[in-house]
PDB file of N, CA and C in Angstrom:
ATOM      1  N   MET A   1      16.210   9.416 -11.444  1.00  0.00           N
ATOM      2  CA  MET A   1      16.005   8.978  -9.799  1.00  0.00           C
ATOM      3  C   MET A   1      14.751   9.377  -9.310  1.00  0.00           C
ATOM      4  N   LYS A   2      13.989  10.391  -9.587  1.00  0.00           N
ATOM      5  CA  LYS A   2      12.830  10.773  -8.531  1.00  0.00           C
ATOM      6  C   LYS A   2      12.181   9.498  -9.157  1.00  0.00           C
ATOM      7  N   ILE A   3      11.680   9.032 -10.543  1.00  0.00           N
ATOM      8  CA  ILE A   3      11.220   8.285 -10.030  1.00  0.00           C
ATOM      9  C   ILE A   3      11.194   6.936  -9.741  1.00  0.00           C
ATOM     10  N   PHE A   4      12.274   6.495  -9.448  1.00  0.00           N
ATOM     11  CA  PHE A   4      13.055   5.565  -8.725  1.00  0.00           C
ATOM     12  C   PHE A   4      12.547   5.679  -6.961  1.00  0.00           C
ATOM     13  N   TYR A   5      13.286   7.030  -6.446  1.00  0.00           N
ATOM     14  CA  TYR A   5      13.096   7.624  -5.487  1.00  0.00           C
ATOM     15  C   TYR A   5      11.177   7.088  -4.576  1.00  0.00           C
ATOM     16  N   THR A   6      10.662   7.998  -5.569  1.00  0.00           N
ATOM     17  CA  THR A   6       9.144   7.929  -5.225  1.00  0.00           C
ATOM     18  C   THR A   6       8.298   6.721  -5.651  1.00  0.00           C
ATOM     19  N   ILE A   7       8.559   5.574  -6.331  1.00  0.00           N
ATOM     20  CA  ILE A   7       7.938   4.546  -6.328  1.00  0.00           C
ATOM     21  C   ILE A   7       8.545   3.551  -4.936  1.00  0.00           C
ATOM     22  N   LEU A   8       9.898   3.649  -5.064  1.00  0.00           N
ATOM     23  CA  LEU A   8      10.191   2.992  -3.755  1.00  0.00           C
ATOM     24  C   LEU A   8      10.042   3.407  -2.353  1.00  0.00           C
ATOM     25  N   LEU A   9       9.838   4.840  -2.203  1.00  0.00           N
ATOM     26  CA  LEU A   9       9.247   5.317  -1.002  1.00  0.00           C
ATOM     27  C   LEU A   9       7.444   4.701  -1.044  1.00  0.00           C
ATOM     28  N   LEU A  10       7.001   4.764  -2.041  1.00  0.00           N
ATOM     29  CA  LEU A  10       5.869   4.455  -1.804  1.00  0.00           C
ATOM     30  C   LEU A  10       5.803   2.842  -1.617  1.00  0.00           C
ATOM     31  N   VAL A  11       6.477   1.580  -2.107  1.00  0.00           N
ATOM     32  CA  VAL A  11       6.333   0.398  -2.076  1.00  0.00           C
ATOM     33  C   VAL A  11       6.625   0.138  -0.055  1.00  0.00           C
ATOM     34  N   ILE A  12       7.576   0.876   0.326  1.00  0.00           N
ATOM     35  CA  ILE A  12       7.761   0.544   1.322  1.00  0.00           C
ATOM     36  C   ILE A  12       6.534   1.996   2.418  1.00  0.00           C
ATOM     37  N   SER A  13       6.091   2.493   2.154  1.00  0.00           N
ATOM     38  CA  SER A  13       4.753   3.329   2.817  1.00  0.00           C
ATOM     39  C   SER A  13       3.833   2.330   2.828  1.00  0.00           C
ATOM     40  N   ASN A  14       3.489   1.416   1.470  1.00  0.00           N
ATOM     41  CA  ASN A  14       2.184   0.676   1.304  1.00  0.00           C
ATOM     42  C   ASN A  14       2.450  -0.571   2.328  1.00  0.00           C
ATOM     43  N   ILE A  15       3.882  -1.243   2.414  1.00  0.00           N
ATOM     44  CA  ILE A  15       4.305  -1.959   3.595  1.00  0.00           C
ATOM     45  C   ILE A  15       3.664  -1.519   4.788  1.00  0.00           C
ATOM     46  N   PHE A  16       4.200  -0.793   5.074  1.00  0.00           N
ATOM     47  CA  PHE A  16       3.515  -0.032   6.851  1.00  0.00           C
ATOM     48  C   PHE A  16       2.029   0.246   6.600  1.00  0.00           C
ATOM     49  N   MET A  17       1.695   0.592   5.585  1.00  0.00           N
ATOM     50  CA  MET A  17       0.268   0.723   5.711  1.00  0.00           C
ATOM     51  C   MET A  17      -0.461  -0.579   5.542  1.00  0.00           C
ATOM     52  N   THR A  18      -0.378  -1.299   5.098  1.00  0.00           N
ATOM     53  CA  THR A  18      -0.960  -2.844   4.847  1.00  0.00           C
ATOM     54  C   THR A  18      -0.674  -3.901   6.252  1.00  0.00           C
ATOM     55  N   PHE A  19       0.283  -3.533   6.847  1.00  0.00           N
ATOM     56  CA  PHE A  19       0.783  -4.045   8.184  1.00  0.00           C
ATOM     57  C   PHE A  19       0.172  -3.368   9.309  1.00  0.00           C
ATOM     58  N   ALA A  20      -0.401  -1.839   9.072  1.00  0.00           N
ATOM     59  CA  ALA A  20      -1.212  -1.308  10.263  1.00  0.00           C
ATOM     60  C   ALA A  20      -2.988  -1.412  10.104  1.00  0.00           C
ATOM     61  N   TRP A  21      -3.446  -1.655   8.464  1.00  0.00           N
ATOM     62  CA  TRP A  21      -4.564  -1.902   8.763  1.00  0.00           C
ATOM     63  C   TRP A  21      -5.120  -3.356   8.581  1.00  0.00           C
ATOM     64  N   TYR A  22      -4.013  -4.371   8.186  1.00  0.00           N
ATOM     65  CA  TYR A  22      -4.547  -5.713   8.273  1.00  0.00           C
ATOM     66  C   TYR A  22      -3.422  -7.017   9.232  1.00  0.00           C
ATOM     67  N   GLY A  23      -2.638  -6.263   9.597  1.00  0.00           N
ATOM     68  CA  GLY A  23      -1.463  -7.010  10.412  1.00  0.00           C
ATOM     69  C   GLY A  23      -1.760  -7.488  11.810  1.00  0.00           C
ATOM     70  N   HIS A  24      -2.774  -6.369  12.546  1.00  0.00           N
ATOM     71  CA  HIS A  24      -3.880  -6.921  13.446  1.00  0.00           C
ATOM     72  C   HIS A  24      -4.245  -8.180  13.434  1.00  0.00           C
ATOM     73  N   LEU A  25      -5.017  -8.405  12.277  1.00  0.00           N
ATOM     74  CA  LEU A  25      -6.164  -9.576  12.124  1.00  0.00           C
ATOM     75  C   LEU A  25      -5.118 -10.757  12.191  1.00  0.00           C
ATOM     76  N   LYS A  26      -3.862 -10.707  11.965  1.00  0.00           N
ATOM     77  CA  LYS A  26      -2.754 -11.634  11.691  1.00  0.00           C
ATOM     78  C   LYS A  26      -2.439 -11.817  13.210  1.00  0.00           C
ATOM     79  N   LEU A  27      -1.699 -10.895  13.963  1.00  0.00           N
ATOM     80  CA  LEU A  27      -1.493 -10.764  15.163  1.00  0.00           C
ATOM     81  C   LEU A  27      -2.442 -11.423  16.256  1.00  0.00           C
ATOM     82  N   GLN A  28      -3.831 -10.980  15.947  1.00  0.00           N
ATOM     83  CA  GLN A  28      -4.929 -11.864  16.842  1.00  0.00           C
ATOM     84  C   GLN A  28      -5.249 -13.389  16.469  1.00  0.00           C
ATOM     85  N   GLU A  29      -4.762 -13.636  14.978  1.00  0.00           N
ATOM     86  CA  GLU A  29      -4.976 -15.104  15.036  1.00  0.00           C
ATOM     87  C   GLU A  29      -3.732 -15.941  15.343  1.00  0.00           C
ATOM     88  N   MET A  30      -2.045 -15.208  15.695  1.00  0.00           N
ATOM     89  CA  MET A  30      -1.303 -16.116  16.350  1.00  0.00           C
ATOM     90  C   MET A  30      -1.405 -15.536  17.996  1.00  0.00           C
ATOM     91  N   LYS A  31      -2.439 -15.356  18.472  1.00  0.00           N
ATOM     92  CA  LYS A  31      -2.930 -14.701  19.693  1.00  0.00           C
ATOM     93  C   LYS A  31      -1.940 -13.815  20.432  1.00  0.00           C
ATOM     94  N   LEU A  32      -1.303 -12.985  20.014  1.00  0.00           N
ATOM     95  CA  LEU A  32      -0.461 -12.026  20.307  1.00  0.00           C
ATOM     96  C   LEU A  32      -0.997 -11.013  21.247  1.00  0.00           C
ATOM     97  N   ILE A  33      -2.223 -10.227  20.264  1.00  0.00           N
ATOM     98  CA  ILE A  33      -3.009  -9.462  20.969  1.00  0.00           C
ATOM     99  C   ILE A  33      -4.487  -9.687  20.902  1.00  0.00           C
ATOM    100  N   SER A  34      -4.368 -11.184  21.028  1.00  0.00           N
ATOM    101  CA  SER A  34      -6.111 -11.159  21.432  1.00  0.00           C
ATOM    102  C   SER A  34      -6.931 -10.978  22.349  1.00  0.00           C
ATOM    103  N   ASN A  35      -6.127 -10.150  23.451  1.00  0.00           N
ATOM    104  CA  ASN A  35      -6.770  -9.962  24.679  1.00  0.00           C
ATOM    105  C   ASN A  35      -6.760  -8.303  24.835  1.00  0.00           C
ATOM    106  N   TRP A  36      -6.224  -7.763  24.007  1.00  0.00           N
ATOM    107  CA  TRP A  36      -6.236  -6.493  23.842  1.00  0.00           C
ATOM    108  C   TRP A  36      -7.576  -5.582  23.330  1.00  0.00           C
ATOM    109  N   PRO A  37      -8.004  -4.747  23.853  1.00  0.00           N
ATOM    110  CA  PRO A  37      -9.036  -3.886  23.883  1.00  0.00           C
ATOM    111  C   PRO A  37      -9.127  -3.063  22.487  1.00  0.00           C
ATOM    112  N   LEU A  38     -10.185  -2.927  21.833  1.00  0.00           N
ATOM    113  CA  LEU A  38      -9.671  -2.433  20.661  1.00  0.00           C
ATOM    114  C   LEU A  38      -9.151  -1.242  20.363  1.00  0.00           C
ATOM    115  N   TYR A  39      -9.208  -0.209  21.315  1.00  0.00           N
ATOM    116  CA  TYR A  39      -8.507   1.009  21.527  1.00  0.00           C
ATOM    117  C   TYR A  39      -6.777   1.075  21.158  1.00  0.00           C
ATOM    118  N   GLY A  40      -6.595  -0.175  22.287  1.00  0.00           N
ATOM    119  CA  GLY A  40      -5.084  -0.613  22.277  1.00  0.00           C
ATOM    120  C   GLY A  40      -4.541  -1.138  20.895  1.00  0.00           C
ATOM    121  N   VAL A  41      -5.281  -1.725  20.076  1.00  0.00           N
ATOM    122  CA  VAL A  41      -5.250  -1.955  18.624  1.00  0.00           C
ATOM    123  C   VAL A  41      -5.066  -0.846  17.748  1.00  0.00           C
ATOM    124  N   ILE A  42      -6.454   0.294  18.317  1.00  0.00           N
ATOM    125  CA  ILE A  42      -5.979   0.966  16.962  1.00  0.00           C
ATOM    126  C   ILE A  42      -4.586   2.406  17.394  1.00  0.00           C
ATOM    127  N   LEU A  43      -4.272   2.489  18.559  1.00  0.00           N
ATOM    128  CA  LEU A  43      -3.439   2.795  19.170  1.00  0.00           C
ATOM    129  C   LEU A  43      -1.450   2.461  18.282  1.00  0.00           C
ATOM    130  N   PHE A  44      -1.917   1.195  18.791  1.00  0.00           N
ATOM    131  CA  PHE A  44      -0.857   0.143  17.730  1.00  0.00           C
ATOM    132  C   PHE A  44      -0.558   0.622  16.427  1.00  0.00           C
ATOM    133  N   SER A  45      -2.020   0.464  15.804  1.00  0.00           N
ATOM    134  CA  SER A  45      -1.996   0.471  14.362  1.00  0.00           C
ATOM    135  C   SER A  45      -1.426   1.965  13.883  1.00  0.00           C
ATOM    136  N   TRP A  46      -2.263   2.850  14.365  1.00  0.00           N
ATOM    137  CA  TRP A  46      -1.962   4.186  14.208  1.00  0.00           C
ATOM    138  C   TRP A  46      -0.257   4.903  14.294  1.00  0.00           C
ATOM    139  N   LEU A  47       0.456   4.013  15.523  1.00  0.00           N
ATOM    140  CA  LEU A  47       1.871   3.804  15.530  1.00  0.00           C
ATOM    141  C   LEU A  47       2.409   3.527  14.293  1.00  0.00           C
ATOM    142  N   ILE A  48       1.819   2.210  13.881  1.00  0.00           N
ATOM    143  CA  ILE A  48       2.445   1.728  12.406  1.00  0.00           C
ATOM    144  C   ILE A  48       2.012   2.783  11.464  1.00  0.00           C
ATOM    145  N   ALA A  49       1.053   3.246  11.221  1.00  0.00           N
ATOM    146  CA  ALA A  49       0.303   4.470  10.200  1.00  0.00           C
ATOM    147  C   ALA A  49       1.355   5.524   9.963  1.00  0.00           C
ATOM    148  N   LEU A  50       1.812   6.451  11.432  1.00  0.00           N
ATOM    149  CA  LEU A  50       2.979   6.999  11.304  1.00  0.00           C
ATOM    150  C   LEU A  50       3.780   7.048  10.442  1.00  0.00           C
ATOM    151  N   ALA A  51       4.376   5.304  10.653  1.00  0.00           N
ATOM    152  CA  ALA A  51       5.996   4.930   9.734  1.00  0.00           C
ATOM    153  C   ALA A  51       5.523   5.417   8.357  1.00  0.00           C
ATOM    154  N   GLU A  52       4.366   5.151   8.180  1.00  0.00           N
ATOM    155  CA  GLU A  52       3.796   4.956   6.682  1.00  0.00           C
ATOM    156  C   GLU A  52       3.488   6.362   5.760  1.00  0.00           C
ATOM    157  N   TYR A  53       3.153   7.200   6.637  1.00  0.00           N
ATOM    158  CA  TYR A  53       3.146   8.611   6.439  1.00  0.00           C
ATOM    159  C   TYR A  53       4.432   9.255   6.192  1.00  0.00           C
ATOM    160  N   SER A  54       5.391   8.789   7.245  1.00  0.00           N
ATOM    161  CA  SER A  54       6.776   9.200   7.239  1.00  0.00           C
ATOM    162  C   SER A  54       7.450   8.895   5.389  1.00  0.00           C
ATOM    163  N   PHE A  55       6.751   7.523   4.669  1.00  0.00           N
ATOM    164  CA  PHE A  55       7.622   7.483   3.370  1.00  0.00           C
ATOM    165  C   PHE A  55       6.223   8.161   2.257  1.00  0.00           C
ATOM    166  N   GLN A  56       5.327   7.878   2.864  1.00  0.00           N
ATOM    167  CA  GLN A  56       4.281   8.468   1.685  1.00  0.00           C
ATOM    168  C   GLN A  56       4.069   9.743   1.815  1.00  0.00           C
ATOM    169  N   ILE A  57       4.243  10.781   2.457  1.00  0.00           N
ATOM    170  CA  ILE A  57       4.426  12.229   1.991  1.00  0.00           C
ATOM    171  C   ILE A  57       5.754  12.237   1.237  1.00  0.00           C
ATOM    172  N   PRO A  58       7.112  12.030   1.596  1.00  0.00           N
ATOM    173  CA  PRO A  58       8.189  12.318   0.829  1.00  0.00           C
ATOM    174  C   PRO A  58       7.893  11.857  -0.459  1.00  0.00           C
ATOM    175  N   ALA A  59       7.493  10.438  -0.764  1.00  0.00           N
ATOM    176  CA  ALA A  59       7.124  10.277  -2.106  1.00  0.00           C
ATOM    177  C   ALA A  59       6.472  10.840  -2.511  1.00  0.00           C
ATOM    178  N   ASN A  60       5.036  11.573  -2.202  1.00  0.00           N
ATOM    179  CA  ASN A  60       4.355  12.313  -2.948  1.00  0.00           C
ATOM    180  C   ASN A  60       5.377  13.557  -3.296  1.00  0.00           C
ATOM    181  N   ARG A  61       6.002  14.262  -1.985  1.00  0.00           N
ATOM    182  CA  ARG A  61       6.566  15.577  -2.834  1.00  0.00           C
ATOM    183  C   ARG A  61       7.874  15.351  -3.678  1.00  0.00           C
ATOM    184  N   ILE A  62       8.541  14.615  -3.507  1.00  0.00           N
ATOM    185  CA  ILE A  62       9.257  14.084  -4.888  1.00  0.00           C
ATOM    186  C   ILE A  62       9.144  13.607  -5.871  1.00  0.00           C
ATOM    187  N   GLY A  63       7.739  12.922  -6.118  1.00  0.00           N
ATOM    188  CA  GLY A  63       7.313  12.497  -7.452  1.00  0.00           C
ATOM    189  C   GLY A  63       6.290  13.180  -8.128  1.00  0.00           C
ATOM    190  N   PHE A  64       5.894  14.566  -7.106  1.00  0.00           N
ATOM    191  CA  PHE A  64       4.485  15.476  -7.754  1.00  0.00           C
ATOM    192  C   PHE A  64       5.370  16.879  -8.616  1.00  0.00           C
ATOM    193  N   VAL A  65       5.023  16.536  -9.968  1.00  0.00           N
ATOM    194  CA  VAL A  65       5.039  17.195 -11.170  1.00  0.00           C
ATOM    195  C   VAL A  65       5.397  19.034 -10.473  1.00  0.00           C
ATOM    196  N   GLY A  66       4.466  19.606  -9.704  1.00  0.00           N
ATOM    197  CA  GLY A  66       4.540  20.585  -9.018  1.00  0.00           C
ATOM    198  C   GLY A  66       5.576  21.101  -8.190  1.00  0.00           C
ATOM    199  N   ASN A  67       6.634  20.275  -7.837  1.00  0.00           N
ATOM    200  CA  ASN A  67       7.727  20.145  -7.114  1.00  0.00           C
ATOM    201  C   ASN A  67       8.818  19.250  -7.829  1.00  0.00           C
ATOM    202  N   GLY A  68       8.722  19.592  -8.910  1.00  0.00           N
ATOM    203  CA  GLY A  68       9.900  19.170 -10.098  1.00  0.00           C
ATOM    204  C   GLY A  68       9.992  17.717 -10.499  1.00  0.00           C
ATOM    205  N   GLY A  69       8.562  16.835  -9.864  1.00  0.00           N
ATOM    206  CA  GLY A  69       8.983  15.535  -9.985  1.00  0.00           C
ATOM    207  C   GLY A  69       8.088  15.139 -11.517  1.00  0.00           C
ATOM    208  N   PRO A  70       8.184  13.744 -11.837  1.00  0.00           N
ATOM    209  CA  PRO A  70       8.007  13.440 -12.525  1.00  0.00           C
ATOM    210  C   PRO A  70       6.451  13.066 -13.208  1.00  0.00           C
ATOM    211  N   PHE A  71       5.730  12.989 -11.899  1.00  0.00           N
ATOM    212  CA  PHE A  71       3.901  12.619 -11.650  1.00  0.00           C
ATOM    213  C   PHE A  71       3.145  13.641 -11.701  1.00  0.00           C
ATOM    214  N   SER A  72       1.813  13.857 -11.958  1.00  0.00           N
ATOM    215  CA  SER A  72       0.538  14.667 -11.727  1.00  0.00           C
ATOM    216  C   SER A  72       0.280  13.876 -10.445  1.00  0.00           C
ATOM    217  N   LEU A  73      -0.679  14.503 -10.137  1.00  0.00           N
ATOM    218  CA  LEU A  73      -1.546  13.731  -8.718  1.00  0.00           C
ATOM    219  C   LEU A  73      -1.659  12.820  -9.258  1.00  0.00           C
ATOM    220  N   MET A  74      -2.921  12.967 -10.514  1.00  0.00           N
ATOM    221  CA  MET A  74      -3.611  11.587 -10.636  1.00  0.00           C
ATOM    222  C   MET A  74      -2.330  10.069 -11.199  1.00  0.00           C
ATOM    223  N   GLN A  75      -1.582  10.668 -12.177  1.00  0.00           N
ATOM    224  CA  GLN A  75      -0.547   9.341 -12.234  1.00  0.00           C
ATOM    225  C   GLN A  75      -0.348   8.949 -10.588  1.00  0.00           C
ATOM    226  N   LEU A  76       0.604   9.879  -9.727  1.00  0.00           N
ATOM    227  CA  LEU A  76       0.732   9.664  -8.023  1.00  0.00           C
ATOM    228  C   LEU A  76      -0.145   8.632  -7.417  1.00  0.00           C
ATOM    229  N   LYS A  77      -1.409   9.018  -7.551  1.00  0.00           N
ATOM    230  CA  LYS A  77      -2.619   8.301  -7.302  1.00  0.00           C
ATOM    231  C   LYS A  77      -2.760   6.767  -7.896  1.00  0.00           C
ATOM    232  N   VAL A  78      -2.674   7.042  -9.312  1.00  0.00           N
ATOM    233  CA  VAL A  78      -2.895   5.408  -9.668  1.00  0.00           C
ATOM    234  C   VAL A  78      -1.554   4.635  -9.782  1.00  0.00           C
ATOM    235  N   ILE A  79      -0.612   4.857  -9.577  1.00  0.00           N
ATOM    236  CA  ILE A  79       0.561   4.455  -9.275  1.00  0.00           C
ATOM    237  C   ILE A  79       0.709   3.858  -7.414  1.00  0.00           C
ATOM    238  N   GLN A  80       0.522   4.707  -6.890  1.00  0.00           N
ATOM    239  CA  GLN A  80       0.425   4.408  -5.272  1.00  0.00           C
ATOM    240  C   GLN A  80      -0.776   3.020  -4.879  1.00  0.00           C
ATOM    241  N   GLU A  81      -2.164   3.203  -6.037  1.00  0.00           N
ATOM    242  CA  GLU A  81      -3.300   2.091  -5.655  1.00  0.00           C
ATOM    243  C   GLU A  81      -2.388   0.757  -6.426  1.00  0.00           C
ATOM    244  N   VAL A  82      -2.153   0.836  -7.659  1.00  0.00           N
ATOM    245  CA  VAL A  82      -1.286  -0.514  -7.923  1.00  0.00           C
ATOM    246  C   VAL A  82      -0.493  -0.830  -6.827  1.00  0.00           C
ATOM    247  N   ILE A  83       0.600  -0.011  -6.502  1.00  0.00           N
ATOM    248  CA  ILE A  83       1.405  -0.895  -5.457  1.00  0.00           C
ATOM    249  C   ILE A  83       0.767  -1.506  -4.206  1.00  0.00           C
ATOM    250  N   THR A  84      -0.150  -0.514  -3.679  1.00  0.00           N
ATOM    251  CA  THR A  84      -1.033  -1.206  -2.815  1.00  0.00           C
ATOM    252  C   THR A  84      -1.519  -2.543  -2.944  1.00  0.00           C
ATOM    253  N   LEU A  85      -2.466  -3.042  -4.255  1.00  0.00           N
ATOM    254  CA  LEU A  85      -3.153  -4.086  -4.276  1.00  0.00           C
ATOM    255  C   LEU A  85      -2.015  -4.910  -4.410  1.00  0.00           C
ATOM    256  N   ILE A  86      -0.907  -4.669  -4.699  1.00  0.00           N
ATOM    257  CA  ILE A  86       0.242  -5.556  -4.919  1.00  0.00           C
ATOM    258  C   ILE A  86       0.690  -6.278  -3.440  1.00  0.00           C
ATOM    259  N   ILE A  87       1.128  -5.414  -2.710  1.00  0.00           N
ATOM    260  CA  ILE A  87       1.512  -5.464  -1.562  1.00  0.00           C
ATOM    261  C   ILE A  87       0.673  -6.351  -0.836  1.00  0.00           C
ATOM    262  N   PHE A  88      -0.628  -5.891  -0.530  1.00  0.00           N
ATOM    263  CA  PHE A  88      -1.587  -6.120   0.010  1.00  0.00           C
ATOM    264  C   PHE A  88      -1.813  -8.029  -0.176  1.00  0.00           C
ATOM    265  N   THR A  89      -1.449  -8.093  -1.777  1.00  0.00           N
ATOM    266  CA  THR A  89      -1.938  -9.294  -2.318  1.00  0.00           C
ATOM    267  C   THR A  89      -0.581 -10.382  -2.016  1.00  0.00           C
ATOM    268  N   ILE A  90       0.704  -9.550  -1.906  1.00  0.00           N
ATOM    269  CA  ILE A  90       1.408 -10.895  -1.428  1.00  0.00           C
ATOM    270  C   ILE A  90       1.380 -10.633   0.146  1.00  0.00           C
ATOM    271  N   PHE A  91       1.039  -9.600   0.939  1.00  0.00           N
ATOM    272  CA  PHE A  91       0.925 -10.141   2.456  1.00  0.00           C
ATOM    273  C   PHE A  91      -0.247 -11.062   2.643  1.00  0.00           C
ATOM    274  N   THR A  92      -1.365 -11.226   1.865  1.00  0.00           N
ATOM    275  CA  THR A  92      -2.421 -11.956   1.932  1.00  0.00           C
ATOM    276  C   THR A  92      -2.309 -13.390   1.488  1.00  0.00           C
ATOM    277  N   THR A  93      -2.012 -13.558   0.783  1.00  0.00           N
ATOM    278  CA  THR A  93      -1.381 -15.294   0.317  1.00  0.00           C
ATOM    279  C   THR A  93      -0.194 -15.646   1.381  1.00  0.00           C
ATOM    280  N   LEU A  94       0.578 -14.974   1.594  1.00  0.00           N
ATOM    281  CA  LEU A  94       1.805 -15.326   2.443  1.00  0.00           C
ATOM    282  C   LEU A  94       1.223 -15.545   3.789  1.00  0.00           C
ATOM    283  N   LEU A  95       0.531 -14.667   4.149  1.00  0.00           N
ATOM    284  CA  LEU A  95       0.246 -14.723   5.524  1.00  0.00           C
ATOM    285  C   LEU A  95      -0.784 -14.894   6.337  1.00  0.00           C
ATOM    286  N   PHE A  96      -2.045 -15.399   4.989  1.00  0.00           N
ATOM    287  CA  PHE A  96      -3.325 -15.705   5.370  1.00  0.00           C
ATOM    288  C   PHE A  96      -3.728 -16.799   4.864  1.00  0.00           C
ATOM    289  N   LYS A  97      -3.508 -18.102   5.386  1.00  0.00           N
ATOM    290  CA  LYS A  97      -3.829 -19.237   4.546  1.00  0.00           C
ATOM    291  C   LYS A  97      -4.925 -19.580   4.157  1.00  0.00           C
ATOM    292  N   GLY A  98      -5.820 -19.273   4.856  1.00  0.00           N
ATOM    293  CA  GLY A  98      -7.213 -18.922   3.580  1.00  0.00           C
ATOM    294  C   GLY A  98      -7.753 -18.387   2.519  1.00  0.00           C
ATOM    295  N   GLU A  99      -6.419 -17.826   2.254  1.00  0.00           N
ATOM    296  CA  GLU A  99      -6.630 -16.548   0.980  1.00  0.00           C
ATOM    297  C   GLU A  99      -5.537 -17.356   0.160  1.00  0.00           C
ATOM    298  N   SER A 100      -6.461 -17.200  -1.170  1.00  0.00           N
ATOM    299  CA  SER A 100      -5.591 -16.932  -2.408  1.00  0.00           C
ATOM    300  C   SER A 100      -6.491 -16.278  -3.685  1.00  0.00           C
ATOM    301  N   LEU A 101      -5.521 -16.667  -4.726  1.00  0.00           N
ATOM    302  CA  LEU A 101      -5.841 -15.616  -5.748  1.00  0.00           C
ATOM    303  C   LEU A 101      -6.951 -16.182  -6.939  1.00  0.00           C
ATOM    304  N   HIS A 102      -7.732 -15.656  -7.141  1.00  0.00           N
ATOM    305  CA  HIS A 102      -8.481 -16.446  -8.175  1.00  0.00           C
ATOM    306  C   HIS A 102      -8.554 -15.776  -9.623  1.00  0.00           C
ATOM    307  N   TRP A 103      -9.193 -16.181 -11.082  1.00  0.00           N
ATOM    308  CA  TRP A 103      -9.470 -15.618 -11.707  1.00  0.00           C
ATOM    309  C   TRP A 103      -9.800 -13.849 -11.870  1.00  0.00           C
ATOM    310  N   ASN A 104     -11.151 -13.866 -11.180  1.00  0.00           N
ATOM    311  CA  ASN A 104     -11.283 -12.416 -11.293  1.00  0.00           C
ATOM    312  C   ASN A 104     -10.614 -11.493 -10.564  1.00  0.00           C
ATOM    313  N   HIS A 105      -9.269 -11.890  -9.478  1.00  0.00           N
ATOM    314  CA  HIS A 105      -8.965 -11.093  -8.910  1.00  0.00           C
ATOM    315  C   HIS A 105      -7.326 -10.794  -9.932  1.00  0.00           C
ATOM    316  N   VAL A 106      -7.305 -11.899 -10.733  1.00  0.00           N
ATOM    317  CA  VAL A 106      -6.214 -11.472 -12.026  1.00  0.00           C
ATOM    318  C   VAL A 106      -7.163 -10.521 -12.889  1.00  0.00           C
ATOM    319  N   ALA A 107      -8.151 -10.463 -12.982  1.00  0.00           N
ATOM    320  CA  ALA A 107      -8.874  -9.689 -14.195  1.00  0.00           C
ATOM    321  C   ALA A 107      -8.806  -8.261 -13.662  1.00  0.00           C
ATOM    322  N   ALA A 108      -8.996  -8.404 -12.322  1.00  0.00           N
ATOM    323  CA  ALA A 108      -8.934  -6.913 -11.772  1.00  0.00           C
ATOM    324  C   ALA A 108      -7.565  -6.142 -11.953  1.00  0.00           C
ATOM    325  N   PHE A 109      -6.457  -6.933 -11.681  1.00  0.00           N
ATOM    326  CA  PHE A 109      -4.942  -6.763 -11.744  1.00  0.00           C
ATOM    327  C   PHE A 109      -4.843  -5.877 -13.134  1.00  0.00           C
ATOM    328  N   VAL A 110      -5.279  -6.880 -14.475  1.00  0.00           N
ATOM    329  CA  VAL A 110      -5.482  -6.414 -16.048  1.00  0.00           C
ATOM    330  C   VAL A 110      -6.134  -5.078 -16.150  1.00  0.00           C
ATOM    331  N   CYS A 111      -7.109  -4.807 -15.134  1.00  0.00           N
ATOM    332  CA  CYS A 111      -7.485  -3.788 -15.356  1.00  0.00           C
ATOM    333  C   CYS A 111      -7.395  -2.627 -14.836  1.00  0.00           C
ATOM    334  N   LEU A 112      -6.323  -2.880 -13.502  1.00  0.00           N
ATOM    335  CA  LEU A 112      -5.495  -1.769 -12.622  1.00  0.00           C
ATOM    336  C   LEU A 112      -4.093  -1.402 -13.677  1.00  0.00           C
ATOM    337  N   ILE A 113      -3.478  -2.266 -14.186  1.00  0.00           N
ATOM    338  CA  ILE A 113      -2.747  -2.259 -15.490  1.00  0.00           C
ATOM    339  C   ILE A 113      -3.350  -1.311 -16.409  1.00  0.00           C
ATOM    340  N   LEU A 114      -4.087  -1.834 -16.751  1.00  0.00           N
ATOM    341  CA  LEU A 114      -4.695  -0.510 -17.946  1.00  0.00           C
ATOM    342  C   LEU A 114      -5.092   0.814 -17.737  1.00  0.00           C
ATOM    343  N   ALA A 115      -5.270   0.807 -16.263  1.00  0.00           N
ATOM    344  CA  ALA A 115      -5.487   2.244 -15.269  1.00  0.00           C
ATOM    345  C   ALA A 115      -4.395   2.458 -15.646  1.00  0.00           C
ATOM    346  N   VAL A 116      -3.073   2.492 -15.306  1.00  0.00           N
ATOM    347  CA  VAL A 116      -1.931   2.963 -15.169  1.00  0.00           C
ATOM    348  C   VAL A 116      -1.599   3.348 -16.952  1.00  0.00           C
ATOM    349  N   TYR A 117      -1.823   2.106 -17.903  1.00  0.00           N
ATOM    350  CA  TYR A 117      -1.520   3.085 -19.284  1.00  0.00           C
ATOM    351  C   TYR A 117      -2.241   4.075 -19.556  1.00  0.00           C
ATOM    352  N   PHE A 118      -3.423   4.049 -19.201  1.00  0.00           N
ATOM    353  CA  PHE A 118      -4.313   5.020 -19.689  1.00  0.00           C
ATOM    354  C   PHE A 118      -4.298   6.448 -19.016  1.00  0.00           C
ATOM    355  N   VAL A 119      -4.152   6.250 -17.647  1.00  0.00           N
ATOM    356  CA  VAL A 119      -3.689   7.453 -17.109  1.00  0.00           C
ATOM    357  C   VAL A 119      -2.077   8.486 -17.380  1.00  0.00           C
ATOM    358  N   PHE A 120      -1.124   7.424 -17.841  1.00  0.00           N
ATOM    359  CA  PHE A 120       0.172   8.120 -19.059  1.00  0.00           C
ATOM    360  C   PHE A 120      -0.468   8.541 -20.068  1.00  0.00           C
ATOM    361  N   MET A 121      -1.222   7.967 -20.529  1.00  0.00           N
ATOM    362  CA  MET A 121      -1.298   8.669 -21.960  1.00  0.00           C
ATOM    363  C   MET A 121      -1.768  10.220 -22.157  1.00  0.00           C
ATOM    364  N   LYS A 122      -0.887  10.711 -23.137  1.00  0.00           N
ATOM    365  CA  LYS A 122      -0.900  12.044 -23.401  1.00  0.00           C
ATOM    366  C   LYS A 122      -2.304  12.135 -24.343  1.00  0.00           C
TER     367      LYS A 122
END
């Protein structure tokens, strides 16, 4: 169950992270925050990032082998990066109409999948 909880918390964390990092661009495009000063956008993103950390930290604590979890630090980081790119790809292709997947993006994802394979090799 620690594997499941770790990955679930990382997915939720990365959804918040993606919105904190890139959501303001969509909100600006929708004219919802286009007149906000930069510091207001930064504070808004920090509030979202607080939610991200509220899931990221428990995920790392539950998943880390030093706390009885199943993953080393390297494994946690590679899993987190793959989840980040999956969430980012979904976010980008659904919310930003000018963005699309190309062959080189798919090739990069294959390399990331290979990274996960290699990081779990004994």
